[in-house]
């Protein structure tokens, strides 16, 4: 009861066994503060990340960043390395010509 009063005073909102943390801007299950749920963009697997990890902060602050689970990341990394090892991989770099007017 005492913990409930303290949490209500600092701004947490309860719903059944989870509550909303206004500082994290997310619902936390079972009263666990400090974890955020993320979903892999390739396989739709849902993982939990610690709130203090740089990846979690990057995902929270910049929505353009996406999350890939370890399995998908390794699969893409291995395939990219295999493509680089073959001669079919070409990295194109845009070259800009300098203008005399600038």
Protein backbone atom coordinates (compact mmCIF):
# COMPACT_ATOMS: atom_id res chain seq x y z
CA UNK A 1 0.00 0.00 0.00
CA UNK A 2 2.81 2.40 0.89
CA UNK A 3 4.57 1.70 -2.43
CA UNK A 4 1.34 2.35 -4.32
CA UNK A 5 0.97 5.79 -2.71
CA UNK A 6 4.58 6.74 -3.54
CA UNK A 7 4.18 5.63 -7.16
CA UNK A 8 0.92 7.58 -7.53
CA UNK A 9 2.57 10.72 -6.19
CA UNK A 10 5.40 10.64 -8.73
CA UNK A 11 3.02 10.16 -11.65
CA UNK A 12 2.61 6.49 -12.50
CA UNK A 13 -0.76 5.32 -13.82
CA UNK A 14 -1.88 1.76 -13.08
CA UNK A 15 -3.87 -0.65 -15.23
CA UNK A 16 -4.31 -4.16 -13.80
CA UNK A 17 -0.79 -5.59 -13.35
CA UNK A 18 1.04 -2.99 -15.45
CA UNK A 19 1.49 0.75 -15.18
CA UNK A 20 2.36 3.70 -17.40
CA UNK A 21 5.59 5.53 -16.71
CA UNK A 22 5.37 9.14 -17.96
CA UNK A 23 9.16 9.45 -17.98
CA UNK A 24 9.66 6.41 -20.26
CA UNK A 25 6.40 7.11 -22.14
CA UNK A 26 5.52 3.43 -22.15
CA UNK A 27 3.53 0.78 -20.32
CA UNK A 28 5.65 -1.45 -18.12
CA UNK A 29 4.41 -4.94 -17.33
CA UNK A 30 4.37 -6.38 -13.82
CA UNK A 31 5.77 -3.21 -12.32
CA UNK A 32 9.16 -3.58 -13.99
CA UNK A 33 10.64 -0.18 -14.70
CA UNK A 34 13.70 0.00 -16.86
CA UNK A 35 12.80 -2.30 -19.76
CA UNK A 36 11.30 -1.46 -23.09
CA UNK A 37 9.73 -3.86 -25.58
CA UNK A 38 11.09 -3.74 -29.12
CA UNK A 39 10.03 -5.57 -32.26
CA UNK A 40 12.37 -6.84 -34.98
CA UNK A 41 11.56 -5.27 -38.35
CA UNK A 42 12.32 -8.49 -40.26
CA UNK A 43 10.91 -11.39 -38.23
CA UNK A 44 8.51 -9.51 -35.86
CA UNK A 45 10.09 -11.10 -32.78
CA UNK A 46 9.47 -9.08 -29.61
CA UNK A 47 12.45 -8.58 -27.26
CA UNK A 48 13.00 -6.58 -24.10
CA UNK A 49 15.86 -4.08 -23.81
CA UNK A 50 17.20 -2.29 -20.76
CA UNK A 51 16.19 1.39 -20.85
CA UNK A 52 19.74 2.58 -20.22
CA UNK A 53 21.33 0.85 -23.23
CA UNK A 54 22.47 3.21 -26.01
CA UNK A 55 20.39 1.23 -28.52
CA UNK A 56 17.23 1.72 -26.43
CA UNK A 57 17.88 5.46 -26.14
CA UNK A 58 18.51 5.70 -29.88
CA UNK A 59 15.26 3.88 -30.68
CA UNK A 60 13.27 6.01 -28.25
CA UNK A 61 14.65 9.40 -29.32
CA UNK A 62 14.93 8.88 -33.08
CA UNK A 63 12.03 6.97 -34.61
CA UNK A 64 13.86 6.51 -37.94
CA UNK A 65 16.15 3.95 -36.27
CA UNK A 66 14.90 0.38 -36.42
CA UNK A 67 15.60 -2.70 -34.33
CA UNK A 68 16.81 -6.07 -35.61
CA UNK A 69 17.11 -9.10 -33.34
CA UNK A 70 20.52 -10.78 -33.01
CA UNK A 71 19.56 -13.66 -35.30
CA UNK A 72 18.47 -11.38 -38.17
CA UNK A 73 21.47 -9.09 -37.67
CA UNK A 74 23.90 -12.03 -37.88
CA UNK A 75 22.12 -13.43 -40.94
CA UNK A 76 22.36 -10.12 -42.82
CA UNK A 77 25.95 -9.60 -41.66
CA UNK A 78 27.02 -13.05 -42.91
CA UNK A 79 25.29 -12.61 -46.27
CA UNK A 80 26.83 -9.16 -46.75
CA UNK A 81 30.31 -10.49 -45.94
CA UNK A 82 29.79 -13.35 -48.40
CA UNK A 83 28.71 -10.87 -51.09
CA UNK A 84 31.78 -8.71 -50.36
CA UNK A 85 34.03 -11.76 -50.67
CA UNK A 86 32.65 -12.45 -54.13
CA UNK A 87 33.36 -9.84 -56.78
CA UNK A 88 29.70 -9.01 -57.33
CA UNK A 89 29.63 -6.45 -54.50
CA UNK A 90 30.33 -2.88 -55.61
CA UNK A 91 30.22 0.05 -53.26
CA UNK A 92 29.22 3.16 -55.18
CA UNK A 93 30.53 6.45 -53.91
CA UNK A 94 29.10 9.63 -55.32
CA UNK A 95 31.80 11.97 -56.56
CA UNK A 96 31.03 15.65 -56.66
CA UNK A 97 32.72 17.86 -59.18
CA UNK A 98 33.87 21.17 -57.83
CA UNK A 99 32.40 24.14 -59.60
CA UNK A 100 34.42 27.22 -60.50
CA UNK A 101 31.53 29.39 -59.39
CA UNK A 102 31.59 28.34 -55.76
